[in-house]
Amino acid sequence: MSASQTLAEQLSASLRHLVLLLRRAVAGQPVTSQQYAVLGSLEHRARRMSELAEEHAVHLPTMTVQINRMEDAGLVARGSDPGDARVRTVELTEEGRARLDVVRQARRAFLAARLETLTPAEQEILARALPVLDKLGRS
């Protein structure tokens, strides 16, 4: 196994554990982790259903079911694309934005508490690794 394959395996395991911890941190929230991810995708602008499905690596019917549930809960609203009346878009409602903020605050508080258990040197290492992780996530 190459060094990059070993690192990939280690990184994958670490990320999996962190994701599971973050999910547990907000388990009591009325927004599921999948809904939270979709709400985050809608934070800055309305999006086409096909864009959301592609971004979240699901089929369009699966995204449609998710959006229907979120619309019923008042978290999102459907609209139309001004450039193409046939295209339906989805945007955050005020309730959706409020729920997104609550989940984010809970996750940040959870992470902040976990970070407090690290030494200053470990916190510095993590802070220096963040730009690399960002680059990896955007490539």
N, C-alpha and C. Protein backbone atom coordinates (compact mmCIF):
# COMPACT_ATOMS: atom_id res chain seq x y z
N MET A 1 0.85 -1.18 0.00
CA MET A 1 0.00 0.00 0.00
C MET A 1 0.89 1.24 0.00
N SER A 2 0.59 2.18 -0.88
CA SER A 2 1.41 3.40 -0.98
C SER A 2 1.14 4.32 0.21
N ALA A 3 2.00 5.29 0.39
CA ALA A 3 1.85 6.25 1.48
C ALA A 3 0.55 7.04 1.32
N SER A 4 0.21 7.42 0.08
CA SER A 4 -1.03 8.18 -0.12
C SER A 4 -2.25 7.30 0.14
N GLN A 5 -2.18 6.01 -0.17
CA GLN A 5 -3.30 5.11 0.12
C GLN A 5 -3.47 4.92 1.63
N THR A 6 -2.37 4.80 2.33
CA THR A 6 -2.42 4.67 3.79
C THR A 6 -2.99 5.93 4.41
N LEU A 7 -2.53 7.08 3.95
CA LEU A 7 -3.05 8.35 4.46
C LEU A 7 -4.54 8.49 4.15
N ALA A 8 -4.94 8.09 2.95
CA ALA A 8 -6.35 8.16 2.57
C ALA A 8 -7.20 7.29 3.49
N GLU A 9 -6.71 6.11 3.82
CA GLU A 9 -7.44 5.21 4.72
C GLU A 9 -7.57 5.83 6.11
N GLN A 10 -6.50 6.41 6.62
CA GLN A 10 -6.51 7.03 7.94
C GLN A 10 -7.42 8.25 7.96
N LEU A 11 -7.33 9.08 6.93
CA LEU A 11 -8.18 10.27 6.84
C LEU A 11 -9.64 9.89 6.76
N SER A 12 -9.95 8.90 5.96
CA SER A 12 -11.32 8.43 5.82
C SER A 12 -11.89 7.97 7.16
N ALA A 13 -11.12 7.22 7.90
CA ALA A 13 -11.57 6.75 9.22
C ALA A 13 -11.78 7.91 10.18
N SER A 14 -10.85 8.86 10.19
CA SER A 14 -10.97 10.01 11.08
C SER A 14 -12.20 10.85 10.74
N LEU A 15 -12.40 11.10 9.45
CA LEU A 15 -13.55 11.89 9.03
C LEU A 15 -14.86 11.19 9.38
N ARG A 16 -14.89 9.88 9.19
CA ARG A 16 -16.09 9.11 9.53
C ARG A 16 -16.43 9.28 11.01
N HIS A 17 -15.43 9.17 11.88
CA HIS A 17 -15.67 9.33 13.32
C HIS A 17 -16.15 10.74 13.66
N LEU A 18 -15.55 11.74 13.03
CA LEU A 18 -15.97 13.12 13.28
C LEU A 18 -17.41 13.36 12.82
N VAL A 19 -17.75 12.84 11.64
CA VAL A 19 -19.12 13.01 11.13
C VAL A 19 -20.12 12.35 12.07
N LEU A 20 -19.80 11.16 12.54
CA LEU A 20 -20.71 10.47 13.47
C LEU A 20 -20.85 11.25 14.77
N LEU A 21 -19.75 11.81 15.26
CA LEU A 21 -19.82 12.62 16.48
C LEU A 21 -20.70 13.85 16.27
N LEU A 22 -20.55 14.51 15.13
CA LEU A 22 -21.37 15.70 14.84
C LEU A 22 -22.84 15.33 14.71
N ARG A 23 -23.12 14.20 14.12
CA ARG A 23 -24.52 13.75 14.02
C ARG A 23 -25.11 13.51 15.40
N ARG A 24 -24.33 12.90 16.27
CA ARG A 24 -24.83 12.65 17.64
C ARG A 24 -25.03 13.96 18.39
N ALA A 25 -24.19 14.95 18.10
CA ALA A 25 -24.28 16.23 18.80
C ALA A 25 -25.61 16.92 18.55
N VAL A 26 -26.23 16.66 17.42
CA VAL A 26 -27.49 17.33 17.07
C VAL A 26 -28.64 16.33 16.90
N ALA A 27 -28.48 15.15 17.51
CA ALA A 27 -29.47 14.09 17.33
C ALA A 27 -30.86 14.49 17.79
N GLY A 28 -30.98 15.38 18.77
CA GLY A 28 -32.29 15.77 19.26
C GLY A 28 -32.97 16.85 18.43
N GLN A 29 -32.30 17.36 17.43
CA GLN A 29 -32.85 18.43 16.60
C GLN A 29 -33.93 17.88 15.67
N PRO A 30 -34.91 18.69 15.33
CA PRO A 30 -35.95 18.22 14.41
C PRO A 30 -35.51 18.16 12.95
N VAL A 31 -34.27 18.52 12.67
CA VAL A 31 -33.74 18.48 11.31
C VAL A 31 -32.77 17.31 11.21
N THR A 32 -32.96 16.43 10.23
CA THR A 32 -32.04 15.31 10.04
C THR A 32 -30.73 15.80 9.45
N SER A 33 -29.70 14.97 9.52
CA SER A 33 -28.41 15.37 8.97
C SER A 33 -28.50 15.59 7.46
N GLN A 34 -29.32 14.79 6.77
CA GLN A 34 -29.49 14.99 5.33
C GLN A 34 -30.20 16.31 5.05
N GLN A 35 -31.22 16.63 5.84
CA GLN A 35 -31.91 17.90 5.66
C GLN A 35 -30.99 19.07 5.96
N TYR A 36 -30.18 18.92 7.00
CA TYR A 36 -29.22 19.96 7.33
C TYR A 36 -28.29 20.24 6.16
N ALA A 37 -27.82 19.18 5.53
CA ALA A 37 -26.92 19.34 4.38
C ALA A 37 -27.61 20.09 3.24
N VAL A 38 -28.86 19.74 2.97
CA VAL A 38 -29.60 20.41 1.90
C VAL A 38 -29.86 21.87 2.27
N LEU A 39 -30.24 22.12 3.51
CA LEU A 39 -30.46 23.51 3.94
C LEU A 39 -29.19 24.33 3.75
N GLY A 40 -28.05 23.74 4.08
CA GLY A 40 -26.78 24.44 3.89
C GLY A 40 -26.52 24.76 2.43
N SER A 41 -26.94 23.87 1.54
CA SER A 41 -26.77 24.10 0.10
C SER A 41 -27.63 25.25 -0.41
N LEU A 42 -28.69 25.55 0.32
CA LEU A 42 -29.62 26.59 -0.09
C LEU A 42 -29.38 27.92 0.62
N GLU A 43 -28.37 27.96 1.47
CA GLU A 43 -28.15 29.13 2.31
C GLU A 43 -27.98 30.44 1.53
N HIS A 44 -27.29 30.41 0.41
CA HIS A 44 -26.96 31.66 -0.27
C HIS A 44 -27.82 31.98 -1.48
N ARG A 45 -28.54 30.97 -1.99
CA ARG A 45 -29.38 31.25 -3.16
C ARG A 45 -30.31 30.07 -3.41
N ALA A 46 -31.34 30.35 -4.18
CA ALA A 46 -32.24 29.29 -4.63
C ALA A 46 -31.47 28.38 -5.59
N ARG A 47 -31.83 27.12 -5.60
CA ARG A 47 -31.13 26.15 -6.44
C ARG A 47 -32.14 25.30 -7.20
N ARG A 48 -31.74 24.81 -8.34
CA ARG A 48 -32.54 23.85 -9.10
C ARG A 48 -32.49 22.50 -8.39
N MET A 49 -33.59 21.75 -8.53
CA MET A 49 -33.64 20.43 -7.93
C MET A 49 -32.53 19.54 -8.49
N SER A 50 -32.28 19.63 -9.78
CA SER A 50 -31.24 18.80 -10.39
C SER A 50 -29.86 19.13 -9.83
N GLU A 51 -29.60 20.40 -9.55
CA GLU A 51 -28.33 20.80 -8.94
C GLU A 51 -28.17 20.18 -7.56
N LEU A 52 -29.24 20.24 -6.78
CA LEU A 52 -29.20 19.69 -5.43
C LEU A 52 -28.96 18.18 -5.46
N ALA A 53 -29.67 17.50 -6.35
CA ALA A 53 -29.50 16.05 -6.46
C ALA A 53 -28.06 15.71 -6.83
N GLU A 54 -27.51 16.43 -7.77
CA GLU A 54 -26.13 16.18 -8.19
C GLU A 54 -25.15 16.46 -7.05
N GLU A 55 -25.32 17.59 -6.39
CA GLU A 55 -24.42 17.97 -5.30
C GLU A 55 -24.43 16.94 -4.16
N HIS A 56 -25.60 16.40 -3.88
CA HIS A 56 -25.74 15.46 -2.77
C HIS A 56 -25.66 14.00 -3.20
N ALA A 57 -25.32 13.80 -4.48
CA ALA A 57 -25.09 12.46 -5.04
C ALA A 57 -26.27 11.52 -4.85
N VAL A 58 -27.46 12.05 -5.15
CA VAL A 58 -28.68 11.24 -5.11
C VAL A 58 -29.43 11.42 -6.42
N HIS A 59 -30.33 10.50 -6.68
CA HIS A 59 -31.16 10.62 -7.88
C HIS A 59 -32.20 11.72 -7.66
N LEU A 60 -32.66 12.30 -8.73
CA LEU A 60 -33.64 13.39 -8.65
C LEU A 60 -34.90 12.98 -7.88
N PRO A 61 -35.46 11.79 -8.08
CA PRO A 61 -36.65 11.43 -7.29
C PRO A 61 -36.38 11.38 -5.78
N THR A 62 -35.18 10.97 -5.40
CA THR A 62 -34.83 10.95 -3.98
C THR A 62 -34.78 12.36 -3.42
N MET A 63 -34.19 13.29 -4.18
CA MET A 63 -34.13 14.68 -3.74
C MET A 63 -35.54 15.26 -3.69
N THR A 64 -36.38 14.90 -4.63
CA THR A 64 -37.75 15.41 -4.65
C THR A 64 -38.50 14.99 -3.39
N VAL A 65 -38.34 13.75 -2.98
CA VAL A 65 -38.97 13.28 -1.74
C VAL A 65 -38.46 14.10 -0.55
N GLN A 66 -37.16 14.30 -0.49
CA GLN A 66 -36.58 15.07 0.62
C GLN A 66 -37.11 16.51 0.63
N ILE A 67 -37.15 17.12 -0.54
CA ILE A 67 -37.64 18.50 -0.63
C ILE A 67 -39.13 18.56 -0.27
N ASN A 68 -39.90 17.58 -0.69
CA ASN A 68 -41.32 17.55 -0.32
C ASN A 68 -41.50 17.55 1.19
N ARG A 69 -40.72 16.73 1.87
CA ARG A 69 -40.78 16.66 3.34
C ARG A 69 -40.39 18.00 3.96
N MET A 70 -39.34 18.59 3.42
CA MET A 70 -38.87 19.86 3.97
C MET A 70 -39.86 20.99 3.68
N GLU A 71 -40.51 20.92 2.53
CA GLU A 71 -41.53 21.91 2.21
C GLU A 71 -42.73 21.76 3.15
N ASP A 72 -43.14 20.53 3.40
CA ASP A 72 -44.25 20.28 4.33
C ASP A 72 -43.93 20.80 5.73
N ALA A 73 -42.65 20.74 6.11
CA ALA A 73 -42.22 21.23 7.42
C ALA A 73 -41.99 22.73 7.44
N GLY A 74 -42.15 23.40 6.29
CA GLY A 74 -41.97 24.85 6.23
C GLY A 74 -40.52 25.30 6.16
N LEU A 75 -39.60 24.38 5.83
CA LEU A 75 -38.19 24.72 5.81
C LEU A 75 -37.73 25.30 4.47
N VAL A 76 -38.41 24.91 3.40
CA VAL A 76 -38.07 25.39 2.06
C VAL A 76 -39.34 25.75 1.31
N ALA A 77 -39.18 26.53 0.27
CA ALA A 77 -40.30 26.89 -0.61
C ALA A 77 -39.83 26.70 -2.05
N ARG A 78 -40.76 26.34 -2.89
CA ARG A 78 -40.44 26.17 -4.31
C ARG A 78 -40.71 27.47 -5.04
N GLY A 79 -39.94 27.67 -6.09
CA GLY A 79 -40.11 28.83 -6.94
C GLY A 79 -39.87 28.41 -8.37
N SER A 80 -39.73 29.38 -9.23
CA SER A 80 -39.42 29.06 -10.62
C SER A 80 -38.22 29.88 -11.06
N ASP A 81 -37.53 29.36 -12.03
CA ASP A 81 -36.33 30.01 -12.56
C ASP A 81 -36.77 31.12 -13.51
N PRO A 82 -36.36 32.37 -13.26
CA PRO A 82 -36.78 33.47 -14.13
C PRO A 82 -36.32 33.29 -15.57
N GLY A 83 -35.25 32.53 -15.78
CA GLY A 83 -34.74 32.31 -17.13
C GLY A 83 -35.42 31.18 -17.87
N ASP A 84 -36.13 30.30 -17.13
CA ASP A 84 -36.78 29.15 -17.75
C ASP A 84 -37.96 28.75 -16.87
N ALA A 85 -39.15 29.12 -17.29
CA ALA A 85 -40.36 28.90 -16.49
C ALA A 85 -40.64 27.42 -16.23
N ARG A 86 -40.03 26.53 -17.01
CA ARG A 86 -40.25 25.09 -16.80
C ARG A 86 -39.46 24.57 -15.61
N VAL A 87 -38.44 25.30 -15.18
CA VAL A 87 -37.55 24.83 -14.13
C VAL A 87 -38.05 25.26 -12.76
N ARG A 88 -38.11 24.30 -11.84
CA ARG A 88 -38.50 24.59 -10.46
C ARG A 88 -37.24 24.77 -9.61
N THR A 89 -37.29 25.74 -8.76
CA THR A 89 -36.18 25.98 -7.84
C THR A 89 -36.66 25.76 -6.41
N VAL A 90 -35.71 25.71 -5.51
CA VAL A 90 -35.99 25.55 -4.09
C VAL A 90 -35.19 26.59 -3.35
N GLU A 91 -35.81 27.22 -2.35
CA GLU A 91 -35.10 28.21 -1.55
C GLU A 91 -35.45 28.04 -0.08
N LEU A 92 -34.58 28.55 0.78
CA LEU A 92 -34.82 28.50 2.21
C LEU A 92 -35.95 29.44 2.61
N THR A 93 -36.75 29.01 3.57
CA THR A 93 -37.71 29.91 4.21
C THR A 93 -37.03 30.48 5.45
N GLU A 94 -37.66 31.41 6.10
CA GLU A 94 -37.11 31.94 7.36
C GLU A 94 -37.00 30.84 8.40
N GLU A 95 -38.00 29.94 8.44
CA GLU A 95 -37.95 28.81 9.37
C GLU A 95 -36.77 27.90 9.05
N GLY A 96 -36.54 27.64 7.78
CA GLY A 96 -35.41 26.82 7.36
C GLY A 96 -34.09 27.44 7.76
N ARG A 97 -33.98 28.75 7.58
CA ARG A 97 -32.75 29.46 7.95
C ARG A 97 -32.55 29.41 9.47
N ALA A 98 -33.63 29.54 10.23
CA ALA A 98 -33.54 29.48 11.69
C ALA A 98 -33.10 28.09 12.15
N ARG A 99 -33.66 27.05 11.55
CA ARG A 99 -33.27 25.68 11.91
C ARG A 99 -31.81 25.41 11.54
N LEU A 100 -31.39 25.92 10.40
CA LEU A 100 -30.00 25.77 9.97
C LEU A 100 -29.08 26.41 11.01
N ASP A 101 -29.43 27.59 11.47
CA ASP A 101 -28.62 28.29 12.48
C ASP A 101 -28.56 27.52 13.79
N VAL A 102 -29.68 26.95 14.22
CA VAL A 102 -29.71 26.19 15.48
C VAL A 102 -28.80 24.98 15.39
N VAL A 103 -28.86 24.27 14.29
CA VAL A 103 -28.00 23.09 14.13
C VAL A 103 -26.53 23.51 14.07
N ARG A 104 -26.24 24.56 13.37
CA ARG A 104 -24.85 25.03 13.29
C ARG A 104 -24.32 25.44 14.67
N GLN A 105 -25.14 26.13 15.43
CA GLN A 105 -24.72 26.54 16.77
C GLN A 105 -24.46 25.33 17.65
N ALA A 106 -25.31 24.32 17.55
CA ALA A 106 -25.12 23.11 18.35
C ALA A 106 -23.84 22.39 17.94
N ARG A 107 -23.59 22.32 16.65
CA ARG A 107 -22.36 21.67 16.17
C ARG A 107 -21.12 22.44 16.60
N ARG A 108 -21.18 23.76 16.49
CA ARG A 108 -20.02 24.57 16.90
C ARG A 108 -19.75 24.43 18.39
N ALA A 109 -20.80 24.44 19.19
CA ALA A 109 -20.63 24.30 20.64
C ALA A 109 -20.03 22.93 20.97
N PHE A 110 -20.49 21.90 20.30
CA PHE A 110 -19.97 20.56 20.51
C PHE A 110 -18.50 20.50 20.14
N LEU A 111 -18.16 21.03 18.96
CA LEU A 111 -16.76 21.02 18.53
C LEU A 111 -15.87 21.86 19.45
N ALA A 112 -16.37 23.00 19.86
CA ALA A 112 -15.59 23.86 20.76
C ALA A 112 -15.26 23.12 22.06
N ALA A 113 -16.23 22.40 22.59
CA ALA A 113 -15.98 21.63 23.81
C ALA A 113 -14.94 20.54 23.57
N ARG A 114 -15.01 19.88 22.42
CA ARG A 114 -14.03 18.84 22.09
C ARG A 114 -12.64 19.46 21.89
N LEU A 115 -12.60 20.62 21.26
CA LEU A 115 -11.31 21.29 21.02
C LEU A 115 -10.65 21.70 22.33
N GLU A 116 -11.45 22.00 23.32
CA GLU A 116 -10.91 22.38 24.63
C GLU A 116 -10.12 21.24 25.26
N THR A 117 -10.37 20.00 24.84
CA THR A 117 -9.65 18.85 25.41
C THR A 117 -8.27 18.68 24.78
N LEU A 118 -8.01 19.39 23.69
CA LEU A 118 -6.71 19.30 23.02
C LEU A 118 -5.72 20.26 23.67
N THR A 119 -4.47 19.91 23.58
CA THR A 119 -3.44 20.81 24.07
C THR A 119 -3.32 21.99 23.10
N PRO A 120 -2.73 23.09 23.55
CA PRO A 120 -2.51 24.21 22.62
C PRO A 120 -1.72 23.79 21.38
N ALA A 121 -0.74 22.92 21.55
CA ALA A 121 0.05 22.46 20.40
C ALA A 121 -0.83 21.66 19.43
N GLU A 122 -1.70 20.82 19.95
CA GLU A 122 -2.60 20.05 19.09
C GLU A 122 -3.58 20.97 18.37
N GLN A 123 -4.06 21.99 19.07
CA GLN A 123 -4.96 22.95 18.43
C GLN A 123 -4.25 23.68 17.30
N GLU A 124 -2.99 24.03 17.50
CA GLU A 124 -2.21 24.71 16.47
C GLU A 124 -2.00 23.81 15.25
N ILE A 125 -1.71 22.54 15.49
CA ILE A 125 -1.54 21.59 14.39
C ILE A 125 -2.84 21.50 13.58
N LEU A 126 -3.94 21.41 14.28
CA LEU A 126 -5.23 21.34 13.60
C LEU A 126 -5.51 22.62 12.81
N ALA A 127 -5.24 23.76 13.41
CA ALA A 127 -5.46 25.04 12.73
C ALA A 127 -4.60 25.13 11.46
N ARG A 128 -3.39 24.64 11.53
CA ARG A 128 -2.52 24.68 10.36
C ARG A 128 -2.95 23.69 9.28
N ALA A 129 -3.63 22.63 9.68
CA ALA A 129 -4.10 21.62 8.71
C ALA A 129 -5.37 22.05 7.99
N LEU A 130 -6.12 22.98 8.54
CA LEU A 130 -7.40 23.36 7.95
C LEU A 130 -7.31 23.85 6.51
N PRO A 131 -6.35 24.70 6.15
CA PRO A 131 -6.27 25.09 4.73
C PRO A 131 -6.02 23.90 3.79
N VAL A 132 -5.26 22.92 4.27
CA VAL A 132 -5.00 21.74 3.45
C VAL A 132 -6.30 20.94 3.29
N LEU A 133 -7.04 20.77 4.37
CA LEU A 133 -8.31 20.06 4.30
C LEU A 133 -9.30 20.79 3.40
N ASP A 134 -9.31 22.11 3.49
CA ASP A 134 -10.18 22.90 2.59
C ASP A 134 -9.80 22.67 1.14
N LYS A 135 -8.51 22.69 0.85
CA LYS A 135 -8.04 22.46 -0.52
C LYS A 135 -8.45 21.07 -1.00
N LEU A 136 -8.30 20.09 -0.15
CA LEU A 136 -8.66 18.72 -0.49
C LEU A 136 -10.16 18.62 -0.78
N GLY A 137 -10.98 19.32 0.01
CA GLY A 137 -12.42 19.28 -0.17
C GLY A 137 -12.93 20.06 -1.37
N ARG A 138 -12.12 20.93 -1.91
CA ARG A 138 -12.54 21.77 -3.04
C ARG A 138 -11.95 21.32 -4.36
N SER A 139 -11.11 20.30 -4.33
CA SER A 139 -10.46 19.87 -5.57
C SER A 139 -11.27 18.80 -6.30
